[in-house]
Amino acid sequence: MYIPPKFALSESDTRAALARGGFAHLVTHAADGMLVTPLPLLYDPDRHSLIGHVARANPHWQAAGAASVAIFAGPQAYISPGFYATKQETGKVVPTWNYDVLVVHGDLVAHDDLEWLRDLVTLLTDHHERDRAEPWQVTDAPETYIRGQLRGIVGIELPIGTVEGKAKMSQNQPERNLDGVIAGLRESADPADHAVAARVTELGTTNAKGRGYPSPRS
């Protein structure tokens, strides 16, 4: 991924983004072309891997061993030239797009063991239910039903080789333009624009160092 130094996430921010995991697009270079599957992936620090599952009918798991990339997209928004104070000063402005993205590289592994799959779906469920007042648990469903569901999926794992984090959030703009971007996005009715305004505020003009950190571990 092309990452100008101003937009590279710091190593600590890259680690934090990896730990959050979330919804990703898994892309694998298979023998007969590119396979793409959108799915939730969870970071397992003990294995230093991303883990998830696909439907057994999905051919993606059959590409085990192939080079793969998991892409996590964060907040993103269109940035109008009208946000910039320098529009009035010089007119030398153009539209752009602000966005966060995390790219994880590794070789795909498939898991077809029922106990591995049970542990996986338990981890995924516990992770996503943890903040609910009455979290659902895998054991809430009948055992025969769960066994049937597990037979319909295949586990996937992406042992992590490298991680690249990029936050293009107007860090290359002067402070007066940053203020304009934040104000313009906050005026929007779109919650996604508000999320980007918060990221621009957070990052400011910080010039993060580094890119393509090899295998960060917590």
C-alpha atoms as a PDB file:
ATOM      1  CA  MET A   1       0.000   0.000   0.000  1.00  0.00           C
ATOM      2  CA  TYR A   2       1.282   3.464  -0.855  1.00  0.00           C
ATOM      3  CA  ILE A   3       1.728   5.381   2.407  1.00  0.00           C
ATOM      4  CA  PRO A   4       3.234   8.880   2.403  1.00  0.00           C
ATOM      5  CA  PRO A   5       5.069   9.406   5.718  1.00  0.00           C
ATOM      6  CA  LYS A   6       2.580  12.061   6.891  1.00  0.00           C
ATOM      7  CA  PHE A   7      -0.256   9.512   6.694  1.00  0.00           C
ATOM      8  CA  ALA A   8       1.495   6.470   8.207  1.00  0.00           C
ATOM      9  CA  LEU A   9       0.070   5.278  11.513  1.00  0.00           C
ATOM     10  CA  SER A  10       2.520   5.073  14.380  1.00  0.00           C
ATOM     11  CA  GLU A  11       3.428   1.582  15.532  1.00  0.00           C
ATOM     12  CA  SER A  12       1.302   1.958  18.688  1.00  0.00           C
ATOM     13  CA  ASP A  13      -1.724   3.125  16.676  1.00  0.00           C
ATOM     14  CA  THR A  14      -1.222   0.237  14.259  1.00  0.00           C
ATOM     15  CA  ARG A  15      -1.199  -2.214  17.168  1.00  0.00           C
ATOM     16  CA  ALA A  16      -4.391  -0.676  18.564  1.00  0.00           C
ATOM     17  CA  ALA A  17      -6.148  -0.873  15.189  1.00  0.00           C
ATOM     18  CA  LEU A  18      -5.106  -4.509  14.823  1.00  0.00           C
ATOM     19  CA  ALA A  19      -6.428  -5.351  18.290  1.00  0.00           C
ATOM     20  CA  ARG A  20      -9.815  -3.807  17.426  1.00  0.00           C
ATOM     21  CA  GLY A  21     -10.229  -6.050  14.392  1.00  0.00           C
ATOM     22  CA  GLY A  22     -13.740  -5.852  13.011  1.00  0.00           C
ATOM     23  CA  PHE A  23     -15.256  -6.196   9.565  1.00  0.00           C
ATOM     24  CA  ALA A  24     -12.743  -6.820   6.791  1.00  0.00           C
ATOM     25  CA  HIS A  25     -12.432  -7.753   3.154  1.00  0.00           C
ATOM     26  CA  LEU A  26     -10.244 -10.830   2.782  1.00  0.00           C
ATOM     27  CA  VAL A  27      -8.477 -10.987  -0.582  1.00  0.00           C
ATOM     28  CA  THR A  28      -6.575 -14.105  -1.639  1.00  0.00           C
ATOM     29  CA  HIS A  29      -4.534 -14.709  -4.781  1.00  0.00           C
ATOM     30  CA  ALA A  30      -5.810 -18.160  -5.739  1.00  0.00           C
ATOM     31  CA  ALA A  31      -4.659 -20.305  -8.658  1.00  0.00           C
ATOM     32  CA  ASP A  32      -7.630 -19.310 -10.817  1.00  0.00           C
ATOM     33  CA  GLY A  33      -7.865 -15.642  -9.853  1.00  0.00           C
ATOM     34  CA  MET A  34      -8.595 -13.329  -6.938  1.00  0.00           C
ATOM     35  CA  LEU A  35     -11.008 -14.383  -4.207  1.00  0.00           C
ATOM     36  CA  VAL A  36     -12.741 -11.700  -2.121  1.00  0.00           C
ATOM     37  CA  THR A  37     -14.861 -12.354   0.963  1.00  0.00           C
ATOM     38  CA  PRO A  38     -16.272  -9.726   3.353  1.00  0.00           C
ATOM     39  CA  LEU A  39     -16.302 -11.068   6.914  1.00  0.00           C
ATOM     40  CA  PRO A  40     -15.592 -10.199  10.557  1.00  0.00           C
ATOM     41  CA  LEU A  41     -12.093 -11.067  11.727  1.00  0.00           C
ATOM     42  CA  LEU A  42     -10.765 -11.124  15.274  1.00  0.00           C
ATOM     43  CA  TYR A  43      -7.148 -10.646  16.315  1.00  0.00           C
ATOM     44  CA  ASP A  44      -5.844 -13.524  18.429  1.00  0.00           C
ATOM     45  CA  PRO A  45      -2.731 -12.241  20.262  1.00  0.00           C
ATOM     46  CA  ASP A  46      -1.695 -15.723  21.407  1.00  0.00           C
ATOM     47  CA  ARG A  47      -1.517 -16.972  17.823  1.00  0.00           C
ATOM     48  CA  HIS A  48      -0.660 -13.516  16.382  1.00  0.00           C
ATOM     49  CA  SER A  49      -3.270 -14.231  13.741  1.00  0.00           C
ATOM     50  CA  LEU A  50      -6.564 -12.992  12.429  1.00  0.00           C
ATOM     51  CA  ILE A  51      -9.275 -15.627  12.806  1.00  0.00           C
ATOM     52  CA  GLY A  52     -12.775 -16.020  11.401  1.00  0.00           C
ATOM     53  CA  HIS A  53     -14.898 -18.385   9.351  1.00  0.00           C
ATOM     54  CA  VAL A  54     -16.659 -18.705   6.012  1.00  0.00           C
ATOM     55  CA  ALA A  55     -19.521 -20.836   4.776  1.00  0.00           C
ATOM     56  CA  ARG A  56     -18.412 -24.288   3.694  1.00  0.00           C
ATOM     57  CA  ALA A  57     -19.940 -23.550   0.267  1.00  0.00           C
ATOM     58  CA  ASN A  58     -17.614 -20.541  -0.103  1.00  0.00           C
ATOM     59  CA  PRO A  59     -14.567 -21.702  -2.145  1.00  0.00           C
ATOM     60  CA  HIS A  60     -12.324 -19.153  -0.454  1.00  0.00           C
ATOM     61  CA  TRP A  61     -11.150 -21.595   2.236  1.00  0.00           C
ATOM     62  CA  GLN A  62      -9.920 -23.993  -0.463  1.00  0.00           C
ATOM     63  CA  ALA A  63      -7.181 -21.462  -1.289  1.00  0.00           C
ATOM     64  CA  ALA A  64      -5.372 -22.349   1.947  1.00  0.00           C
ATOM     65  CA  GLY A  65      -1.657 -21.642   1.659  1.00  0.00           C
ATOM     66  CA  ALA A  66      -2.088 -18.732  -0.745  1.00  0.00           C
ATOM     67  CA  ALA A  67      -0.922 -15.170  -0.084  1.00  0.00           C
ATOM     68  CA  SER A  68      -3.768 -13.109   1.340  1.00  0.00           C
ATOM     69  CA  VAL A  69      -4.585  -9.605   2.506  1.00  0.00           C
ATOM     70  CA  ALA A  70      -7.216  -8.550   5.035  1.00  0.00           C
ATOM     71  CA  ILE A  71      -8.367  -4.946   4.594  1.00  0.00           C
ATOM     72  CA  PHE A  72     -10.096  -3.094   7.446  1.00  0.00           C
ATOM     73  CA  ALA A  73     -11.671   0.207   6.442  1.00  0.00           C
ATOM     74  CA  GLY A  74     -12.205   2.869   9.107  1.00  0.00           C
ATOM     75  CA  PRO A  75     -13.922   6.281   9.000  1.00  0.00           C
ATOM     76  CA  GLN A  76     -13.946   7.959   5.585  1.00  0.00           C
ATOM     77  CA  ALA A  77     -15.435  11.082   4.051  1.00  0.00           C
ATOM     78  CA  TYR A  78     -15.303  13.382   1.031  1.00  0.00           C
ATOM     79  CA  ILE A  79     -13.418  16.629   1.683  1.00  0.00           C
ATOM     80  CA  SER A  80     -14.708  19.653  -0.243  1.00  0.00           C
ATOM     81  CA  PRO A  81     -12.319  22.416  -1.348  1.00  0.00           C
ATOM     82  CA  GLY A  82     -14.898  24.749   0.194  1.00  0.00           C
ATOM     83  CA  PHE A  83     -13.711  23.655   3.633  1.00  0.00           C
ATOM     84  CA  TYR A  84     -10.283  25.224   3.137  1.00  0.00           C
ATOM     85  CA  ALA A  85      -9.442  28.752   4.182  1.00  0.00           C
ATOM     86  CA  THR A  86      -6.823  28.809   1.410  1.00  0.00           C
ATOM     87  CA  LYS A  87      -9.628  28.571  -1.179  1.00  0.00           C
ATOM     88  CA  GLN A  88     -10.310  32.240  -0.585  1.00  0.00           C
ATOM     89  CA  GLU A  89      -6.618  33.107  -0.463  1.00  0.00           C
ATOM     90  CA  THR A  90      -5.267  31.457  -3.614  1.00  0.00           C
ATOM     91  CA  GLY A  91      -7.976  29.263  -5.142  1.00  0.00           C
ATOM     92  CA  LYS A  92      -5.342  26.524  -5.439  1.00  0.00           C
ATOM     93  CA  VAL A  93      -7.356  23.711  -3.867  1.00  0.00           C
ATOM     94  CA  VAL A  94      -8.947  20.490  -5.107  1.00  0.00           C
ATOM     95  CA  PRO A  95     -11.307  17.885  -3.622  1.00  0.00           C
ATOM     96  CA  THR A  96      -9.886  14.905  -1.772  1.00  0.00           C
ATOM     97  CA  TRP A  97     -10.955  12.010   0.450  1.00  0.00           C
ATOM     98  CA  ASN A  98     -10.038  11.345   4.067  1.00  0.00           C
ATOM     99  CA  TYR A  99      -9.899   7.753   5.309  1.00  0.00           C
ATOM    100  CA  ASP A 100      -8.464   5.216   7.738  1.00  0.00           C
ATOM    101  CA  VAL A 101      -7.336   1.771   6.559  1.00  0.00           C
ATOM    102  CA  LEU A 102      -5.457  -1.189   8.009  1.00  0.00           C
ATOM    103  CA  VAL A 103      -3.944  -3.825   5.699  1.00  0.00           C
ATOM    104  CA  VAL A 104      -2.777  -7.181   7.084  1.00  0.00           C
ATOM    105  CA  HIS A 105      -0.691  -9.611   5.003  1.00  0.00           C
ATOM    106  CA  GLY A 106      -0.258 -13.357   5.528  1.00  0.00           C
ATOM    107  CA  ASP A 107      -0.758 -16.841   4.060  1.00  0.00           C
ATOM    108  CA  LEU A 108      -4.231 -18.311   4.478  1.00  0.00           C
ATOM    109  CA  VAL A 109      -4.850 -21.332   6.738  1.00  0.00           C
ATOM    110  CA  ALA A 110      -8.098 -23.356   6.843  1.00  0.00           C
ATOM    111  CA  HIS A 111      -9.454 -25.215   9.895  1.00  0.00           C
ATOM    112  CA  ASP A 112     -12.052 -27.980   9.641  1.00  0.00           C
ATOM    113  CA  ASP A 113     -11.881 -29.338  13.188  1.00  0.00           C
ATOM    114  CA  LEU A 114     -15.172 -29.016  15.093  1.00  0.00           C
ATOM    115  CA  GLU A 115     -13.516 -28.186  18.415  1.00  0.00           C
ATOM    116  CA  TRP A 116     -11.361 -25.482  16.799  1.00  0.00           C
ATOM    117  CA  LEU A 117     -14.511 -24.051  15.234  1.00  0.00           C
ATOM    118  CA  ARG A 118     -16.398 -24.199  18.544  1.00  0.00           C
ATOM    119  CA  ASP A 119     -13.587 -22.273  20.253  1.00  0.00           C
ATOM    120  CA  LEU A 120     -13.594 -19.764  17.397  1.00  0.00           C
ATOM    121  CA  VAL A 121     -17.313 -18.993  17.433  1.00  0.00           C
ATOM    122  CA  THR A 122     -17.201 -18.778  21.238  1.00  0.00           C
ATOM    123  CA  LEU A 123     -14.386 -16.195  21.037  1.00  0.00           C
ATOM    124  CA  LEU A 124     -16.182 -14.221  18.332  1.00  0.00           C
ATOM    125  CA  THR A 125     -19.468 -14.284  20.212  1.00  0.00           C
ATOM    126  CA  ASP A 126     -17.953 -13.302  23.552  1.00  0.00           C
ATOM    127  CA  HIS A 127     -16.045 -10.452  21.883  1.00  0.00           C
ATOM    128  CA  HIS A 128     -19.073  -8.938  20.154  1.00  0.00           C
ATOM    129  CA  GLU A 129     -21.564  -9.571  22.966  1.00  0.00           C
ATOM    130  CA  ARG A 130     -19.329  -8.325  25.788  1.00  0.00           C
ATOM    131  CA  ASP A 131     -20.947  -4.881  26.139  1.00  0.00           C
ATOM    132  CA  ARG A 132     -24.575  -6.072  26.099  1.00  0.00           C
ATOM    133  CA  ALA A 133     -26.656  -6.074  29.254  1.00  0.00           C
ATOM    134  CA  GLU A 134     -27.589  -9.715  28.673  1.00  0.00           C
ATOM    135  CA  PRO A 135     -24.901 -11.151  26.370  1.00  0.00           C
ATOM    136  CA  TRP A 136     -25.876 -14.147  24.266  1.00  0.00           C
ATOM    137  CA  GLN A 137     -23.625 -17.199  24.607  1.00  0.00           C
ATOM    138  CA  VAL A 138     -23.043 -20.125  22.291  1.00  0.00           C
ATOM    139  CA  THR A 139     -24.243 -22.433  25.058  1.00  0.00           C
ATOM    140  CA  ASP A 140     -27.653 -20.681  25.023  1.00  0.00           C
ATOM    141  CA  ALA A 141     -28.532 -22.624  21.845  1.00  0.00           C
ATOM    142  CA  PRO A 142     -29.262 -26.377  21.797  1.00  0.00           C
ATOM    143  CA  GLU A 143     -26.087 -28.449  21.454  1.00  0.00           C
ATOM    144  CA  THR A 144     -27.407 -30.427  18.475  1.00  0.00           C
ATOM    145  CA  TYR A 145     -28.234 -27.159  16.701  1.00  0.00           C
ATOM    146  CA  ILE A 146     -24.742 -25.731  17.325  1.00  0.00           C
ATOM    147  CA  ARG A 147     -23.081 -28.905  16.041  1.00  0.00           C
ATOM    148  CA  GLY A 148     -25.123 -28.653  12.854  1.00  0.00           C
ATOM    149  CA  GLN A 149     -24.165 -25.000  12.401  1.00  0.00           C
ATOM    150  CA  LEU A 150     -20.470 -25.784  12.926  1.00  0.00           C
ATOM    151  CA  ARG A 151     -20.575 -28.408  10.174  1.00  0.00           C
ATOM    152  CA  GLY A 152     -21.696 -25.694   7.769  1.00  0.00           C
ATOM    153  CA  ILE A 153     -18.625 -23.492   8.205  1.00  0.00           C
ATOM    154  CA  VAL A 154     -14.848 -23.697   7.811  1.00  0.00           C
ATOM    155  CA  GLY A 155     -12.471 -21.747  10.016  1.00  0.00           C
ATOM    156  CA  ILE A 156      -9.875 -19.471   8.497  1.00  0.00           C
ATOM    157  CA  GLU A 157      -6.730 -18.038   9.975  1.00  0.00           C
ATOM    158  CA  LEU A 158      -4.325 -15.424   8.682  1.00  0.00           C
ATOM    159  CA  PRO A 159      -0.992 -15.710  10.538  1.00  0.00           C
ATOM    160  CA  ILE A 160       0.281 -12.157  10.379  1.00  0.00           C
ATOM    161  CA  GLY A 161       3.348 -11.347   8.316  1.00  0.00           C
ATOM    162  CA  THR A 162       3.155  -7.561   8.028  1.00  0.00           C
ATOM    163  CA  VAL A 163       0.674  -4.855   8.976  1.00  0.00           C
ATOM    164  CA  GLU A 164       0.281  -1.474   7.248  1.00  0.00           C
ATOM    165  CA  GLY A 165      -1.754   1.321   8.802  1.00  0.00           C
ATOM    166  CA  LYS A 166      -2.728   4.524   7.035  1.00  0.00           C
ATOM    167  CA  ALA A 167      -4.739   7.505   8.255  1.00  0.00           C
ATOM    168  CA  LYS A 168      -5.170  10.174   5.596  1.00  0.00           C
ATOM    169  CA  MET A 169      -6.819  12.838   7.727  1.00  0.00           C
ATOM    170  CA  SER A 170      -5.673  16.198   6.350  1.00  0.00           C
ATOM    171  CA  GLN A 171      -2.327  16.083   8.201  1.00  0.00           C
ATOM    172  CA  ASN A 172      -0.736  17.740   5.158  1.00  0.00           C
ATOM    173  CA  GLN A 173      -2.901  20.845   5.501  1.00  0.00           C
ATOM    174  CA  PRO A 174      -2.110  24.071   7.404  1.00  0.00           C
ATOM    175  CA  GLU A 175      -3.937  24.588  10.684  1.00  0.00           C
ATOM    176  CA  ARG A 176      -6.480  27.007   9.224  1.00  0.00           C
ATOM    177  CA  ASN A 177      -7.509  24.386   6.662  1.00  0.00           C
ATOM    178  CA  LEU A 178      -7.725  21.732   9.370  1.00  0.00           C
ATOM    179  CA  ASP A 179     -10.103  23.967  11.284  1.00  0.00           C
ATOM    180  CA  GLY A 180     -12.193  24.365   8.132  1.00  0.00           C
ATOM    181  CA  VAL A 181     -12.310  20.621   7.501  1.00  0.00           C
ATOM    182  CA  ILE A 182     -13.432  19.928  11.066  1.00  0.00           C
ATOM    183  CA  ALA A 183     -16.107  22.630  10.949  1.00  0.00           C
ATOM    184  CA  GLY A 184     -17.364  21.569   7.519  1.00  0.00           C
ATOM    185  CA  LEU A 185     -17.659  17.908   8.473  1.00  0.00           C
ATOM    186  CA  ARG A 186     -19.394  18.739  11.738  1.00  0.00           C
ATOM    187  CA  GLU A 187     -22.081  20.645   9.828  1.00  0.00           C
ATOM    188  CA  SER A 188     -22.958  17.484   7.890  1.00  0.00           C
ATOM    189  CA  ALA A 189     -25.981  15.367   8.769  1.00  0.00           C
ATOM    190  CA  ASP A 190     -23.970  12.205   8.062  1.00  0.00           C
ATOM    191  CA  PRO A 191     -22.591  10.516  11.224  1.00  0.00           C
ATOM    192  CA  ALA A 192     -19.692   9.175   9.137  1.00  0.00           C
ATOM    193  CA  ASP A 193     -18.572  12.761   8.499  1.00  0.00           C
ATOM    194  CA  HIS A 194     -18.646  13.434  12.228  1.00  0.00           C
ATOM    195  CA  ALA A 195     -16.404  10.403  12.813  1.00  0.00           C
ATOM    196  CA  VAL A 196     -13.867  11.783  10.344  1.00  0.00           C
ATOM    197  CA  ALA A 197     -14.036  15.218  12.007  1.00  0.00           C
ATOM    198  CA  ALA A 198     -13.137  13.518  15.283  1.00  0.00           C
ATOM    199  CA  ARG A 199     -10.177  11.749  13.649  1.00  0.00           C
ATOM    200  CA  VAL A 200      -8.916  14.987  12.059  1.00  0.00           C
ATOM    201  CA  THR A 201      -9.143  16.637  15.482  1.00  0.00           C
ATOM    202  CA  GLU A 202      -7.296  13.722  17.095  1.00  0.00           C
ATOM    203  CA  LEU A 203      -4.457  13.527  14.575  1.00  0.00           C
ATOM    204  CA  GLY A 204      -4.029  17.233  13.852  1.00  0.00           C
ATOM    205  CA  THR A 205      -0.783  17.955  12.061  1.00  0.00           C
ATOM    206  CA  THR A 206       1.054  14.991  13.636  1.00  0.00           C
ATOM    207  CA  ASN A 207       3.612  13.579  11.256  1.00  0.00           C
ATOM    208  CA  ALA A 208       3.490   9.863  12.198  1.00  0.00           C
ATOM    209  CA  LYS A 209       6.626   7.860  11.564  1.00  0.00           C
ATOM    210  CA  GLY A 210       7.187   4.511   9.904  1.00  0.00           C
ATOM    211  CA  ARG A 211       5.195   2.235   7.639  1.00  0.00           C
ATOM    212  CA  GLY A 212       4.649  -1.454   7.002  1.00  0.00           C
ATOM    213  CA  TYR A 213       5.559  -2.591  10.501  1.00  0.00           C
ATOM    214  CA  PRO A 214       6.649  -6.245  10.477  1.00  0.00           C
ATOM    215  CA  SER A 215       4.460  -8.434  12.617  1.00  0.00           C
ATOM    216  CA  PRO A 216       3.591  -6.090  15.549  1.00  0.00           C
ATOM    217  CA  ARG A 217       2.758  -7.957  18.746  1.00  0.00           C
ATOM    218  CA  SER A 218       1.093  -6.777  21.909  1.00  0.00           C
END
